[in-house]
Structure formats: structure tokens, C-alpha cells
Amino acid sequence: MKYTLILIIALSCFNCNTKTEQIEANIISQEGNEKEFNIVLNKHLEAVSKKNLEAMKSTLTPNGNMQLILPSTEPTNTNTAFINYHKEWFAAPIQWSFKTKILNTNIGETLGMAIVEVVYSEPLRNGKPYFNRMIVSYDLEKTDGKWYFIKDHASSIKKSTDL
């Protein structure tokens, strides 16, 4: 009886340690997942700011289904349409800047989203400085262990032309 009680206590302690170790492993795994998500998010934002199509392409979903939703335009649903939009924008003969601030993220095991404040500005548009403050929601999906963009949805909050 005495040995049975000791065995039960020992097994209970072992079971507690195993659960604690599993919780710690899950926390470490989620921290790594969030770090990888943020690396891809920042790579994409920097690629847009620097007009780097190749870097931007590397962040897009390998299945080709990238959705772009912009104010006053019809949505597009392919990587090709997304790249073509950015190729035209980047090639336009205007000077502009694209400043970003990540407001929040929600990152799961295979899906994540980020809300980003973007201020797009031009030093001169129709003889005046121009800006467009937007909130952009980005959705990313983890495929084969890597994060990729699947959606970009921008909403204008305030433009200099609104004043």
C-alpha cells in the first residue's frame, strides 16, 4: 500500500511536469510563429515603401489567390493583378512616400491579420502637397511552414483633398 501511494504521487508529479513542459513548448512555438509573421509583414511593407516588386512578390501566397480591395475600385483576386497594380503605381513618374505603423496583429497557427496605419503622401499634386491616411488590414496564411499575404484591404480615413 505504501509503495502504491508513493508510485501514485510520483506519477502525478511526472504528469504535472509533462503538462508544464508542453505548455512551455506551445508558448515558444507561438512566439516563433509570431516572429515569422512579423518578419514577412515588415518585409512586405518595406518592399512597397522601396518600390521593390521582387521582394513584394516573395511575400505573396504561392497559390496565386491574392485579394486586393481598394477604395473606389473593383477587388482583384490574383497575384498577377496585385503585381500589375503595383508595377503601374511604382513606375508612375511621381514622387511619393509610404509610411506605416502597425497598430495591432492577431496571429493564429495558420491564419493571421494585421491592422496597419498607412500615410501615403506626395510633395506636390495639382500644385499642393497631398496625403491619404489609410487603415489597411492585411491577412496572411501559413503555407508549408511559411507566412504569405492573401489579402490587402485599404480604407481611406482622411485625405488632404477632404479638407
N, C-alpha and C. Protein backbone atom coordinates (compact mmCIF):
# COMPACT_ATOMS: atom_id res chain seq x y z
N MET A 1 0.83 -1.19 0.00
CA MET A 1 0.00 0.00 0.00
C MET A 1 0.87 1.25 0.00
N LYS A 2 1.91 1.23 0.85
CA LYS A 2 2.80 2.37 0.97
C LYS A 2 3.48 2.64 -0.38
N TYR A 3 3.94 1.56 -1.06
CA TYR A 3 4.63 1.71 -2.34
C TYR A 3 3.66 2.18 -3.43
N THR A 4 2.44 1.74 -3.36
CA THR A 4 1.43 2.16 -4.33
C THR A 4 1.17 3.66 -4.21
N LEU A 5 1.07 4.14 -2.98
CA LEU A 5 0.85 5.56 -2.74
C LEU A 5 2.03 6.39 -3.26
N ILE A 6 3.23 5.95 -3.02
CA ILE A 6 4.44 6.65 -3.50
C ILE A 6 4.44 6.66 -5.03
N LEU A 7 4.08 5.53 -5.64
CA LEU A 7 4.03 5.45 -7.11
C LEU A 7 2.99 6.41 -7.67
N ILE A 8 1.83 6.49 -7.04
CA ILE A 8 0.77 7.40 -7.49
C ILE A 8 1.24 8.85 -7.39
N ILE A 9 1.87 9.21 -6.31
CA ILE A 9 2.38 10.58 -6.11
C ILE A 9 3.46 10.88 -7.16
N ALA A 10 4.36 9.95 -7.38
CA ALA A 10 5.43 10.14 -8.36
C ALA A 10 4.86 10.32 -9.76
N LEU A 11 3.89 9.48 -10.13
CA LEU A 11 3.27 9.59 -11.45
C LEU A 11 2.52 10.92 -11.60
N SER A 12 1.86 11.37 -10.55
CA SER A 12 1.16 12.66 -10.59
C SER A 12 2.13 13.80 -10.83
N CYS A 13 3.26 13.76 -10.14
CA CYS A 13 4.28 14.81 -10.32
C CYS A 13 4.83 14.77 -11.73
N PHE A 14 5.06 13.55 -12.26
CA PHE A 14 5.57 13.41 -13.63
C PHE A 14 4.56 13.98 -14.62
N ASN A 15 3.29 13.69 -14.42
CA ASN A 15 2.23 14.18 -15.30
C ASN A 15 2.17 15.71 -15.26
N CYS A 16 2.32 16.33 -14.09
CA CYS A 16 2.33 17.79 -13.97
C CYS A 16 3.50 18.39 -14.72
N ASN A 17 4.69 17.75 -14.55
CA ASN A 17 5.87 18.26 -15.27
C ASN A 17 5.68 18.17 -16.77
N THR A 18 5.08 17.07 -17.25
CA THR A 18 4.85 16.88 -18.68
C THR A 18 3.91 17.97 -19.21
N LYS A 19 2.84 18.27 -18.48
CA LYS A 19 1.90 19.31 -18.90
C LYS A 19 2.58 20.68 -18.91
N THR A 20 3.39 20.97 -17.90
CA THR A 20 4.11 22.24 -17.84
C THR A 20 5.07 22.35 -19.01
N GLU A 21 5.78 21.28 -19.31
CA GLU A 21 6.72 21.29 -20.44
C GLU A 21 5.98 21.50 -21.75
N GLN A 22 4.80 20.90 -21.89
CA GLN A 22 4.01 21.06 -23.12
C GLN A 22 3.52 22.50 -23.26
N ILE A 23 3.08 23.09 -22.17
CA ILE A 23 2.64 24.49 -22.19
C ILE A 23 3.80 25.40 -22.58
N GLU A 24 4.97 25.15 -21.99
CA GLU A 24 6.16 25.96 -22.33
C GLU A 24 6.53 25.79 -23.80
N ALA A 25 6.44 24.57 -24.32
CA ALA A 25 6.76 24.32 -25.72
C ALA A 25 5.77 25.04 -26.64
N ASN A 26 4.48 25.05 -26.27
CA ASN A 26 3.47 25.75 -27.05
C ASN A 26 3.72 27.25 -27.07
N ILE A 27 4.10 27.81 -25.93
CA ILE A 27 4.40 29.25 -25.85
C ILE A 27 5.60 29.59 -26.73
N ILE A 28 6.64 28.79 -26.67
CA ILE A 28 7.83 29.02 -27.50
C ILE A 28 7.46 28.91 -28.98
N SER A 29 6.64 27.92 -29.32
CA SER A 29 6.22 27.72 -30.70
C SER A 29 5.42 28.93 -31.19
N GLN A 30 4.49 29.44 -30.37
CA GLN A 30 3.68 30.60 -30.76
C GLN A 30 4.54 31.84 -30.89
N GLU A 31 5.51 32.01 -30.01
CA GLU A 31 6.42 33.17 -30.11
C GLU A 31 7.19 33.12 -31.43
N GLY A 32 7.64 31.94 -31.83
CA GLY A 32 8.34 31.79 -33.11
C GLY A 32 7.42 32.07 -34.28
N ASN A 33 6.19 31.59 -34.17
CA ASN A 33 5.18 31.82 -35.20
C ASN A 33 4.92 33.31 -35.38
N GLU A 34 4.77 34.03 -34.27
CA GLU A 34 4.53 35.47 -34.32
C GLU A 34 5.74 36.21 -34.89
N LYS A 35 6.92 35.78 -34.53
CA LYS A 35 8.14 36.41 -35.05
C LYS A 35 8.21 36.24 -36.58
N GLU A 36 7.95 35.04 -37.06
CA GLU A 36 7.98 34.77 -38.51
C GLU A 36 6.91 35.60 -39.23
N PHE A 37 5.72 35.69 -38.66
CA PHE A 37 4.64 36.51 -39.23
C PHE A 37 5.10 37.95 -39.37
N ASN A 38 5.66 38.50 -38.29
CA ASN A 38 6.08 39.91 -38.30
C ASN A 38 7.23 40.17 -39.26
N ILE A 39 8.10 39.21 -39.45
CA ILE A 39 9.19 39.36 -40.43
C ILE A 39 8.61 39.51 -41.83
N VAL A 40 7.65 38.66 -42.19
CA VAL A 40 7.03 38.73 -43.52
C VAL A 40 6.22 40.02 -43.66
N LEU A 41 5.48 40.39 -42.63
CA LEU A 41 4.70 41.64 -42.67
C LEU A 41 5.62 42.83 -42.93
N ASN A 42 6.70 42.93 -42.18
CA ASN A 42 7.62 44.06 -42.33
C ASN A 42 8.35 44.02 -43.67
N LYS A 43 8.67 42.83 -44.16
CA LYS A 43 9.31 42.70 -45.48
C LYS A 43 8.39 43.26 -46.56
N HIS A 44 7.11 42.94 -46.47
CA HIS A 44 6.13 43.40 -47.45
C HIS A 44 5.98 44.93 -47.39
N LEU A 45 5.82 45.46 -46.18
CA LEU A 45 5.66 46.91 -46.02
C LEU A 45 6.89 47.65 -46.54
N GLU A 46 8.05 47.14 -46.25
CA GLU A 46 9.29 47.77 -46.74
C GLU A 46 9.39 47.67 -48.26
N ALA A 47 8.97 46.55 -48.83
CA ALA A 47 9.00 46.37 -50.28
C ALA A 47 8.13 47.41 -50.97
N VAL A 48 6.97 47.70 -50.42
CA VAL A 48 6.10 48.72 -51.01
C VAL A 48 6.77 50.08 -50.88
N SER A 49 7.26 50.41 -49.70
CA SER A 49 7.91 51.71 -49.47
C SER A 49 9.08 51.94 -50.41
N LYS A 50 9.81 50.86 -50.71
CA LYS A 50 11.00 50.98 -51.56
C LYS A 50 10.75 50.63 -53.02
N LYS A 51 9.47 50.40 -53.37
CA LYS A 51 9.08 50.04 -54.75
C LYS A 51 9.83 48.80 -55.23
N ASN A 52 9.95 47.80 -54.37
CA ASN A 52 10.70 46.60 -54.68
C ASN A 52 9.72 45.46 -55.02
N LEU A 53 9.42 45.33 -56.32
CA LEU A 53 8.45 44.32 -56.76
C LEU A 53 8.90 42.89 -56.43
N GLU A 54 10.17 42.59 -56.60
CA GLU A 54 10.65 41.22 -56.36
C GLU A 54 10.49 40.83 -54.90
N ALA A 55 10.85 41.73 -53.99
CA ALA A 55 10.68 41.43 -52.56
C ALA A 55 9.20 41.28 -52.24
N MET A 56 8.36 42.12 -52.83
CA MET A 56 6.92 42.05 -52.59
C MET A 56 6.36 40.72 -53.10
N LYS A 57 6.77 40.32 -54.30
CA LYS A 57 6.30 39.05 -54.87
C LYS A 57 6.59 37.88 -53.93
N SER A 58 7.74 37.92 -53.28
CA SER A 58 8.14 36.79 -52.41
C SER A 58 7.26 36.66 -51.18
N THR A 59 6.46 37.69 -50.88
CA THR A 59 5.57 37.64 -49.72
C THR A 59 4.16 37.18 -50.07
N LEU A 60 3.88 37.02 -51.37
CA LEU A 60 2.53 36.68 -51.80
C LEU A 60 2.30 35.17 -51.81
N THR A 61 1.06 34.79 -51.57
CA THR A 61 0.67 33.39 -51.48
C THR A 61 1.10 32.60 -52.71
N PRO A 62 1.67 31.41 -52.52
CA PRO A 62 2.10 30.60 -53.67
C PRO A 62 0.94 30.04 -54.48
N ASN A 63 -0.28 30.05 -53.91
CA ASN A 63 -1.41 29.52 -54.68
C ASN A 63 -1.99 30.54 -55.67
N GLY A 64 -1.49 31.79 -55.64
CA GLY A 64 -1.89 32.79 -56.63
C GLY A 64 -3.15 33.55 -56.32
N ASN A 65 -3.77 33.30 -55.17
CA ASN A 65 -5.05 33.94 -54.83
C ASN A 65 -4.88 35.11 -53.86
N MET A 66 -4.27 36.17 -54.32
CA MET A 66 -4.06 37.38 -53.51
C MET A 66 -5.18 38.36 -53.80
N GLN A 67 -5.91 38.77 -52.77
CA GLN A 67 -7.02 39.69 -52.95
C GLN A 67 -6.59 41.11 -52.58
N LEU A 68 -6.94 42.06 -53.46
CA LEU A 68 -6.67 43.47 -53.23
C LEU A 68 -7.98 44.23 -53.28
N ILE A 69 -8.29 44.95 -52.18
CA ILE A 69 -9.51 45.74 -52.11
C ILE A 69 -9.11 47.17 -51.78
N LEU A 70 -9.39 48.08 -52.71
CA LEU A 70 -9.06 49.49 -52.55
C LEU A 70 -10.31 50.34 -52.69
N PRO A 71 -10.32 51.53 -52.09
CA PRO A 71 -11.49 52.41 -52.23
C PRO A 71 -11.76 52.74 -53.71
N SER A 72 -13.01 52.75 -54.06
CA SER A 72 -13.47 53.17 -55.39
C SER A 72 -12.95 52.32 -56.54
N THR A 73 -12.56 51.08 -56.27
CA THR A 73 -12.14 50.17 -57.34
C THR A 73 -12.74 48.79 -57.08
N GLU A 74 -12.84 48.04 -58.14
CA GLU A 74 -13.31 46.65 -58.01
C GLU A 74 -12.19 45.81 -57.40
N PRO A 75 -12.51 44.86 -56.56
CA PRO A 75 -11.48 43.99 -55.99
C PRO A 75 -10.80 43.16 -57.08
N THR A 76 -9.54 42.81 -56.84
CA THR A 76 -8.85 41.85 -57.68
C THR A 76 -8.54 40.64 -56.81
N ASN A 77 -8.32 39.51 -57.45
CA ASN A 77 -8.21 38.25 -56.69
C ASN A 77 -7.02 37.38 -57.06
N THR A 78 -6.02 37.94 -57.74
CA THR A 78 -4.88 37.12 -58.14
C THR A 78 -3.57 37.84 -57.84
N ASN A 79 -2.51 37.05 -57.68
CA ASN A 79 -1.18 37.62 -57.51
C ASN A 79 -0.83 38.48 -58.72
N THR A 80 -1.18 38.01 -59.92
CA THR A 80 -0.85 38.73 -61.15
C THR A 80 -1.49 40.11 -61.15
N ALA A 81 -2.76 40.21 -60.80
CA ALA A 81 -3.44 41.51 -60.77
C ALA A 81 -2.83 42.41 -59.69
N PHE A 82 -2.49 41.83 -58.55
CA PHE A 82 -1.87 42.58 -57.46
C PHE A 82 -0.53 43.15 -57.91
N ILE A 83 0.30 42.31 -58.52
CA ILE A 83 1.61 42.74 -59.01
C ILE A 83 1.45 43.80 -60.11
N ASN A 84 0.54 43.58 -61.03
CA ASN A 84 0.33 44.56 -62.12
C ASN A 84 -0.08 45.92 -61.58
N TYR A 85 -0.95 45.94 -60.59
CA TYR A 85 -1.36 47.21 -59.97
C TYR A 85 -0.12 47.92 -59.41
N HIS A 86 0.68 47.19 -58.66
CA HIS A 86 1.86 47.79 -58.03
C HIS A 86 2.92 48.17 -59.06
N LYS A 87 3.07 47.38 -60.11
CA LYS A 87 4.04 47.68 -61.17
C LYS A 87 3.70 49.04 -61.80
N GLU A 88 2.43 49.26 -62.11
CA GLU A 88 2.00 50.55 -62.70
C GLU A 88 2.22 51.69 -61.70
N TRP A 89 1.83 51.47 -60.45
CA TRP A 89 1.98 52.51 -59.43
C TRP A 89 3.45 52.87 -59.24
N PHE A 90 4.31 51.87 -59.11
CA PHE A 90 5.74 52.10 -58.88
C PHE A 90 6.40 52.80 -60.08
N ALA A 91 5.91 52.54 -61.28
CA ALA A 91 6.51 53.11 -62.49
C ALA A 91 6.02 54.54 -62.78
N ALA A 92 4.95 54.96 -62.12
CA ALA A 92 4.40 56.30 -62.37
C ALA A 92 5.46 57.37 -62.04
N PRO A 93 5.54 58.41 -62.86
CA PRO A 93 6.58 59.43 -62.68
C PRO A 93 6.21 60.47 -61.60
N ILE A 94 5.90 59.99 -60.43
CA ILE A 94 5.59 60.90 -59.32
C ILE A 94 6.43 60.51 -58.11
N GLN A 95 6.75 61.50 -57.32
CA GLN A 95 7.48 61.25 -56.08
C GLN A 95 6.45 61.04 -54.97
N TRP A 96 6.63 59.98 -54.19
CA TRP A 96 5.70 59.70 -53.10
C TRP A 96 6.41 58.98 -51.97
N SER A 97 5.77 58.99 -50.81
CA SER A 97 6.27 58.22 -49.67
C SER A 97 5.12 57.43 -49.08
N PHE A 98 5.46 56.38 -48.38
CA PHE A 98 4.50 55.41 -47.83
C PHE A 98 4.99 55.05 -46.44
N LYS A 99 4.45 55.71 -45.43
CA LYS A 99 4.89 55.48 -44.05
C LYS A 99 3.87 54.60 -43.34
N THR A 100 4.36 53.63 -42.58
CA THR A 100 3.47 52.66 -41.95
C THR A 100 3.69 52.58 -40.45
N LYS A 101 2.61 52.20 -39.77
CA LYS A 101 2.66 51.95 -38.33
C LYS A 101 1.73 50.76 -38.05
N ILE A 102 2.30 49.68 -37.54
CA ILE A 102 1.49 48.51 -37.22
C ILE A 102 0.70 48.81 -35.95
N LEU A 103 -0.62 48.79 -36.06
CA LEU A 103 -1.49 49.10 -34.92
C LEU A 103 -1.77 47.87 -34.06
N ASN A 104 -2.04 46.74 -34.70
CA ASN A 104 -2.23 45.51 -33.95
C ASN A 104 -2.17 44.31 -34.87
N THR A 105 -1.97 43.16 -34.27
CA THR A 105 -1.96 41.90 -35.01
C THR A 105 -2.75 40.86 -34.22
N ASN A 106 -3.23 39.87 -34.93
CA ASN A 106 -3.89 38.72 -34.32
C ASN A 106 -3.38 37.51 -35.10
N ILE A 107 -2.54 36.71 -34.46
CA ILE A 107 -1.82 35.66 -35.17
C ILE A 107 -2.19 34.30 -34.61
N GLY A 108 -2.78 33.48 -35.46
CA GLY A 108 -3.11 32.12 -35.08
C GLY A 108 -2.05 31.16 -35.59
N GLU A 109 -2.39 29.88 -35.59
CA GLU A 109 -1.44 28.88 -36.06
C GLU A 109 -1.19 28.97 -37.55
N THR A 110 -2.27 29.16 -38.33
CA THR A 110 -2.12 29.19 -39.80
C THR A 110 -2.73 30.42 -40.46
N LEU A 111 -3.45 31.24 -39.71
CA LEU A 111 -4.01 32.49 -40.24
C LEU A 111 -3.68 33.63 -39.29
N GLY A 112 -3.38 34.78 -39.87
CA GLY A 112 -3.09 35.94 -39.06
C GLY A 112 -3.52 37.20 -39.78
N MET A 113 -3.73 38.25 -39.01
CA MET A 113 -4.09 39.53 -39.61
C MET A 113 -3.35 40.64 -38.91
N ALA A 114 -3.17 41.73 -39.67
CA ALA A 114 -2.53 42.92 -39.12
C ALA A 114 -3.33 44.13 -39.54
N ILE A 115 -3.46 45.08 -38.64
CA ILE A 115 -4.07 46.37 -38.95
C ILE A 115 -2.93 47.39 -38.94
N VAL A 116 -2.79 48.10 -40.06
CA VAL A 116 -1.67 49.00 -40.24
C VAL A 116 -2.19 50.37 -40.67
N GLU A 117 -1.67 51.40 -40.00
CA GLU A 117 -1.94 52.76 -40.44
C GLU A 117 -0.91 53.10 -41.51
N VAL A 118 -1.38 53.61 -42.64
CA VAL A 118 -0.51 53.98 -43.74
C VAL A 118 -0.78 55.44 -44.08
N VAL A 119 0.30 56.20 -44.20
CA VAL A 119 0.17 57.58 -44.68
C VAL A 119 0.94 57.66 -45.99
N TYR A 120 0.16 57.79 -47.06
CA TYR A 120 0.72 57.96 -48.40
C TYR A 120 0.76 59.46 -48.66
N SER A 121 1.90 59.95 -49.14
CA SER A 121 1.96 61.39 -49.40
C SER A 121 2.78 61.68 -50.65
N GLU A 122 2.43 62.78 -51.28
CA GLU A 122 3.15 63.31 -52.43
C GLU A 122 3.49 64.76 -52.10
N PRO A 123 4.72 65.19 -52.39
CA PRO A 123 5.08 66.58 -52.08
C PRO A 123 4.28 67.58 -52.90
N LEU A 124 3.85 67.17 -54.09
CA LEU A 124 3.11 68.09 -54.95
C LEU A 124 2.13 67.32 -55.83
N ARG A 125 0.84 67.60 -55.66
CA ARG A 125 -0.21 67.05 -56.53
C ARG A 125 -1.13 68.22 -56.86
N ASN A 126 -1.24 68.51 -58.13
CA ASN A 126 -2.05 69.65 -58.58
C ASN A 126 -1.64 70.93 -57.86
N GLY A 127 -0.34 71.10 -57.70
CA GLY A 127 0.18 72.34 -57.11
C GLY A 127 0.18 72.40 -55.59
N LYS A 128 -0.26 71.32 -54.91
CA LYS A 128 -0.34 71.32 -53.45
C LYS A 128 0.18 69.99 -52.89
N PRO A 129 0.67 70.02 -51.64
CA PRO A 129 1.02 68.74 -51.00
C PRO A 129 -0.23 67.87 -50.84
N TYR A 130 -0.06 66.56 -50.99
CA TYR A 130 -1.17 65.62 -50.90
C TYR A 130 -0.84 64.53 -49.90
N PHE A 131 -1.85 64.11 -49.13
CA PHE A 131 -1.70 62.93 -48.28
C PHE A 131 -2.99 62.14 -48.25
N ASN A 132 -2.86 60.86 -47.96
CA ASN A 132 -4.00 59.97 -47.79
C ASN A 132 -3.68 59.07 -46.59
N ARG A 133 -4.37 59.31 -45.49
CA ARG A 133 -4.20 58.47 -44.30
C ARG A 133 -5.18 57.32 -44.40
N MET A 134 -4.65 56.10 -44.35
CA MET A 134 -5.47 54.91 -44.54
C MET A 134 -5.28 53.93 -43.38
N ILE A 135 -6.25 53.08 -43.22
CA ILE A 135 -6.12 51.91 -42.37
C ILE A 135 -6.18 50.72 -43.32
N VAL A 136 -5.17 49.87 -43.23
CA VAL A 136 -5.09 48.72 -44.13
C VAL A 136 -5.10 47.45 -43.28
N SER A 137 -5.97 46.53 -43.65
CA SER A 137 -5.95 45.22 -42.98
C SER A 137 -5.29 44.24 -43.95
N TYR A 138 -4.33 43.54 -43.41
CA TYR A 138 -3.61 42.52 -44.18
C TYR A 138 -3.91 41.17 -43.56
N ASP A 139 -4.22 40.20 -44.40
CA ASP A 139 -4.41 38.82 -43.94
C ASP A 139 -3.28 37.98 -44.50
N LEU A 140 -2.71 37.14 -43.65
CA LEU A 140 -1.63 36.24 -44.06
C LEU A 140 -2.04 34.82 -43.70
N GLU A 141 -1.56 33.89 -44.51
CA GLU A 141 -1.83 32.47 -44.28
C GLU A 141 -0.50 31.72 -44.28
N LYS A 142 -0.40 30.76 -43.39
CA LYS A 142 0.81 29.95 -43.31
C LYS A 142 0.64 28.73 -44.21
N THR A 143 1.54 28.61 -45.17
CA THR A 143 1.51 27.50 -46.13
C THR A 143 2.89 26.84 -46.12
N ASP A 144 2.91 25.55 -45.95
CA ASP A 144 4.17 24.80 -45.92
C ASP A 144 5.17 25.43 -44.96
N GLY A 145 4.67 25.88 -43.81
CA GLY A 145 5.53 26.41 -42.75
C GLY A 145 5.97 27.85 -42.93
N LYS A 146 5.46 28.56 -43.96
CA LYS A 146 5.86 29.95 -44.19
C LYS A 146 4.62 30.83 -44.31
N TRP A 147 4.76 32.08 -43.85
CA TRP A 147 3.67 33.05 -43.93
C TRP A 147 3.66 33.76 -45.28
N TYR A 148 2.44 33.95 -45.83
CA TYR A 148 2.26 34.65 -47.10
C TYR A 148 1.02 35.53 -47.03
N PHE A 149 1.07 36.63 -47.77
CA PHE A 149 -0.08 37.53 -47.87
C PHE A 149 -1.16 36.93 -48.74
N ILE A 150 -2.42 37.04 -48.28
CA ILE A 150 -3.56 36.58 -49.07
C ILE A 150 -4.58 37.70 -49.28
N LYS A 151 -4.49 38.79 -48.48
CA LYS A 151 -5.45 39.89 -48.66
C LYS A 151 -4.84 41.21 -48.20
N ASP A 152 -5.18 42.26 -48.95
CA ASP A 152 -4.80 43.65 -48.66
C ASP A 152 -6.09 44.45 -48.85
N HIS A 153 -6.61 45.02 -47.77
CA HIS A 153 -7.86 45.78 -47.83
C HIS A 153 -7.64 47.15 -47.21
N ALA A 154 -7.64 48.18 -48.06
CA ALA A 154 -7.35 49.54 -47.61
C ALA A 154 -8.61 50.39 -47.55
N SER A 155 -8.69 51.20 -46.50
CA SER A 155 -9.78 52.17 -46.34
C SER A 155 -9.17 53.54 -46.06
N SER A 156 -9.58 54.52 -46.84
CA SER A 156 -9.10 55.89 -46.59
C SER A 156 -9.81 56.46 -45.40
N ILE A 157 -9.05 57.09 -44.51
CA ILE A 157 -9.61 57.74 -43.32
C ILE A 157 -9.71 59.24 -43.55
N LYS A 158 -8.63 59.81 -44.06
CA LYS A 158 -8.61 61.24 -44.30
C LYS A 158 -7.62 61.54 -45.41
N LYS A 159 -8.04 62.38 -46.34
CA LYS A 159 -7.17 62.82 -47.43
C LYS A 159 -7.06 64.33 -47.37
N SER A 160 -5.95 64.84 -47.88
CA SER A 160 -5.79 66.30 -47.91
C SER A 160 -6.86 66.93 -48.79
N THR A 161 -7.36 66.21 -49.77
CA THR A 161 -8.42 66.74 -50.64
C THR A 161 -9.76 66.82 -49.93
N ASP A 162 -9.88 66.18 -48.74
CA ASP A 162 -11.12 66.25 -47.96
C ASP A 162 -11.24 67.57 -47.19
N LEU A 163 -10.12 68.26 -47.03
CA LEU A 163 -10.10 69.47 -46.20
C LEU A 163 -10.83 70.62 -46.83
